[in-house]
C-alpha atoms as a PDB file:
ATOM      1  CA  UNK A   1      -0.005  -0.009  -0.018  1.00  0.00           C
ATOM      2  CA  UNK A   2       1.407   3.377  -0.952  1.00  0.00           C
ATOM      3  CA  UNK A   3       0.332   6.802   0.213  1.00  0.00           C
ATOM      4  CA  UNK A   4      -0.044   9.660  -2.208  1.00  0.00           C
ATOM      5  CA  UNK A   5       1.869  12.588  -0.579  1.00  0.00           C
ATOM      6  CA  UNK A   6       0.749  14.956  -3.376  1.00  0.00           C
ATOM      7  CA  UNK A   7      -2.674  15.436  -1.899  1.00  0.00           C
ATOM      8  CA  UNK A   8      -3.419  19.100  -1.531  1.00  0.00           C
ATOM      9  CA  UNK A   9      -5.110  20.002   1.755  1.00  0.00           C
ATOM     10  CA  UNK A  10      -7.281  22.999   1.020  1.00  0.00           C
ATOM     11  CA  UNK A  11      -8.307  25.525   3.656  1.00  0.00           C
ATOM     12  CA  UNK A  12     -11.419  27.596   3.004  1.00  0.00           C
ATOM     13  CA  UNK A  13     -12.615  30.568   5.009  1.00  0.00           C
ATOM     14  CA  UNK A  14     -15.207  29.182   7.384  1.00  0.00           C
ATOM     15  CA  UNK A  15     -13.411  25.855   7.919  1.00  0.00           C
ATOM     16  CA  UNK A  16     -12.754  25.191  11.624  1.00  0.00           C
ATOM     17  CA  UNK A  17      -8.948  25.034  12.021  1.00  0.00           C
ATOM     18  CA  UNK A  18      -7.048  23.893  15.085  1.00  0.00           C
ATOM     19  CA  UNK A  19      -3.243  24.148  14.866  1.00  0.00           C
ATOM     20  CA  UNK A  20      -0.152  23.908  17.071  1.00  0.00           C
ATOM     21  CA  UNK A  21       3.546  24.625  16.741  1.00  0.00           C
ATOM     22  CA  UNK A  22       5.889  22.584  18.934  1.00  0.00           C
ATOM     23  CA  UNK A  23       9.655  22.622  19.270  1.00  0.00           C
ATOM     24  CA  UNK A  24      11.705  20.259  21.462  1.00  0.00           C
ATOM     25  CA  UNK A  25       8.555  18.846  23.024  1.00  0.00           C
ATOM     26  CA  UNK A  26       7.346  22.318  24.076  1.00  0.00           C
ATOM     27  CA  UNK A  27       4.222  23.919  22.673  1.00  0.00           C
ATOM     28  CA  UNK A  28       5.194  27.345  21.313  1.00  0.00           C
ATOM     29  CA  UNK A  29       1.821  28.401  19.988  1.00  0.00           C
ATOM     30  CA  UNK A  30      -1.666  27.113  19.323  1.00  0.00           C
ATOM     31  CA  UNK A  31      -4.634  28.618  17.467  1.00  0.00           C
ATOM     32  CA  UNK A  32      -8.198  27.757  16.723  1.00  0.00           C
ATOM     33  CA  UNK A  33     -10.539  29.619  14.384  1.00  0.00           C
ATOM     34  CA  UNK A  34     -12.474  29.874  11.148  1.00  0.00           C
ATOM     35  CA  UNK A  35     -10.870  32.920   9.599  1.00  0.00           C
ATOM     36  CA  UNK A  36      -7.956  31.317   7.704  1.00  0.00           C
ATOM     37  CA  UNK A  37      -7.835  31.385   3.913  1.00  0.00           C
ATOM     38  CA  UNK A  38      -4.890  29.021   3.368  1.00  0.00           C
ATOM     39  CA  UNK A  39      -2.353  26.747   5.085  1.00  0.00           C
ATOM     40  CA  UNK A  40       0.193  29.535   4.676  1.00  0.00           C
ATOM     41  CA  UNK A  41      -2.048  31.896   6.647  1.00  0.00           C
ATOM     42  CA  UNK A  42      -2.207  29.332   9.498  1.00  0.00           C
ATOM     43  CA  UNK A  43       1.590  28.927   9.421  1.00  0.00           C
ATOM     44  CA  UNK A  44       2.186  32.674   9.481  1.00  0.00           C
ATOM     45  CA  UNK A  45      -0.183  33.117  12.416  1.00  0.00           C
ATOM     46  CA  UNK A  46       1.547  30.387  14.447  1.00  0.00           C
ATOM     47  CA  UNK A  47       5.069  31.652  13.700  1.00  0.00           C
ATOM     48  CA  UNK A  48       3.997  35.144  14.689  1.00  0.00           C
ATOM     49  CA  UNK A  49       2.601  33.875  17.999  1.00  0.00           C
ATOM     50  CA  UNK A  50       5.588  31.602  18.736  1.00  0.00           C
ATOM     51  CA  UNK A  51       8.129  34.391  18.896  1.00  0.00           C
ATOM     52  CA  UNK A  52      11.858  33.578  18.668  1.00  0.00           C
ATOM     53  CA  UNK A  53      13.034  29.998  18.693  1.00  0.00           C
ATOM     54  CA  UNK A  54      15.797  28.009  16.996  1.00  0.00           C
ATOM     55  CA  UNK A  55      15.612  24.559  15.497  1.00  0.00           C
ATOM     56  CA  UNK A  56      13.000  22.368  13.883  1.00  0.00           C
ATOM     57  CA  UNK A  57       9.408  22.775  14.979  1.00  0.00           C
ATOM     58  CA  UNK A  58       6.463  20.492  14.227  1.00  0.00           C
ATOM     59  CA  UNK A  59       3.460  22.249  12.693  1.00  0.00           C
ATOM     60  CA  UNK A  60       0.198  20.309  13.112  1.00  0.00           C
ATOM     61  CA  UNK A  61      -2.895  21.637  11.349  1.00  0.00           C
ATOM     62  CA  UNK A  62      -6.286  19.963  11.746  1.00  0.00           C
ATOM     63  CA  UNK A  63      -9.215  20.943   9.540  1.00  0.00           C
ATOM     64  CA  UNK A  64     -12.171  19.832  11.648  1.00  0.00           C
ATOM     65  CA  UNK A  65     -14.660  20.759   8.920  1.00  0.00           C
ATOM     66  CA  UNK A  66     -13.120  18.696   6.142  1.00  0.00           C
ATOM     67  CA  UNK A  67     -11.651  15.985   8.408  1.00  0.00           C
ATOM     68  CA  UNK A  68      -7.969  16.060   7.580  1.00  0.00           C
ATOM     69  CA  UNK A  69      -4.749  16.662   9.456  1.00  0.00           C
ATOM     70  CA  UNK A  70      -1.426  17.876   8.133  1.00  0.00           C
ATOM     71  CA  UNK A  71       1.855  17.504  10.073  1.00  0.00           C
ATOM     72  CA  UNK A  72       5.002  19.178   8.712  1.00  0.00           C
ATOM     73  CA  UNK A  73       8.438  20.202   9.977  1.00  0.00           C
ATOM     74  CA  UNK A  74       9.354  23.838  10.043  1.00  0.00           C
ATOM     75  CA  UNK A  75      13.029  24.682  10.384  1.00  0.00           C
ATOM     76  CA  UNK A  76      14.225  28.126  11.396  1.00  0.00           C
ATOM     77  CA  UNK A  77      17.511  29.846  12.092  1.00  0.00           C
ATOM     78  CA  UNK A  78      15.923  32.381  14.441  1.00  0.00           C
ATOM     79  CA  UNK A  79      17.969  32.902  17.532  1.00  0.00           C
ATOM     80  CA  UNK A  80      16.732  33.880  21.000  1.00  0.00           C
ATOM     81  CA  UNK A  81      16.923  37.609  21.645  1.00  0.00           C
ATOM     82  CA  UNK A  82      20.196  38.807  23.149  1.00  0.00           C
ATOM     83  CA  UNK A  83      20.148  40.027  26.719  1.00  0.00           C
ATOM     84  CA  UNK A  84      20.073  43.759  27.377  1.00  0.00           C
ATOM     85  CA  UNK A  85      23.352  43.578  29.352  1.00  0.00           C
ATOM     86  CA  UNK A  86      26.587  43.594  27.368  1.00  0.00           C
ATOM     87  CA  UNK A  87      28.541  40.392  27.470  1.00  0.00           C
ATOM     88  CA  UNK A  88      31.733  40.513  29.485  1.00  0.00           C
ATOM     89  CA  UNK A  89      34.659  38.742  27.785  1.00  0.00           C
ATOM     90  CA  UNK A  90      35.927  35.981  29.995  1.00  0.00           C
ATOM     91  CA  UNK A  91      39.627  35.914  30.597  1.00  0.00           C
ATOM     92  CA  UNK A  92      41.422  32.752  29.499  1.00  0.00           C
ATOM     93  CA  UNK A  93      41.899  30.249  32.233  1.00  0.00           C
ATOM     94  CA  UNK A  94      45.479  29.574  33.251  1.00  0.00           C
ATOM     95  CA  UNK A  95      46.596  26.091  34.349  1.00  0.00           C
ATOM     96  CA  UNK A  96      43.490  24.224  33.212  1.00  0.00           C
ATOM     97  CA  UNK A  97      42.989  21.682  30.455  1.00  0.00           C
ATOM     98  CA  UNK A  98      39.871  21.323  28.377  1.00  0.00           C
ATOM     99  CA  UNK A  99      38.344  17.876  27.991  1.00  0.00           C
ATOM    100  CA  UNK A 100      37.282  16.907  24.499  1.00  0.00           C
ATOM    101  CA  UNK A 101      34.558  14.225  24.874  1.00  0.00           C
ATOM    102  CA  UNK A 102      35.156  12.467  21.534  1.00  0.00           C
ATOM    103  CA  UNK A 103      38.923  12.287  22.035  1.00  0.00           C
ATOM    104  CA  UNK A 104      38.982  10.663  25.473  1.00  0.00           C
END
């Protein structure tokens, strides 16, 4: 049995959509509504709510009206916001040896 991955999941305004965005097992954002015109609109809303994160997130969209679910990976290079305090350069440590895990 083979699955056809070219099936287009259509979102129409008025369809009840429930969607989540999770990264590293943590839910970053979730939405539910009937005002989305496309899957891209759902994705943009979730990314906007999630804020800054780095890595691969799992986007799950459920169209309750039509009865389908779409799960996709969403990779980002976004980095967490830098702290307001300037970073102080650490002085090199004298007399210490670094341990390299793969070399020991």
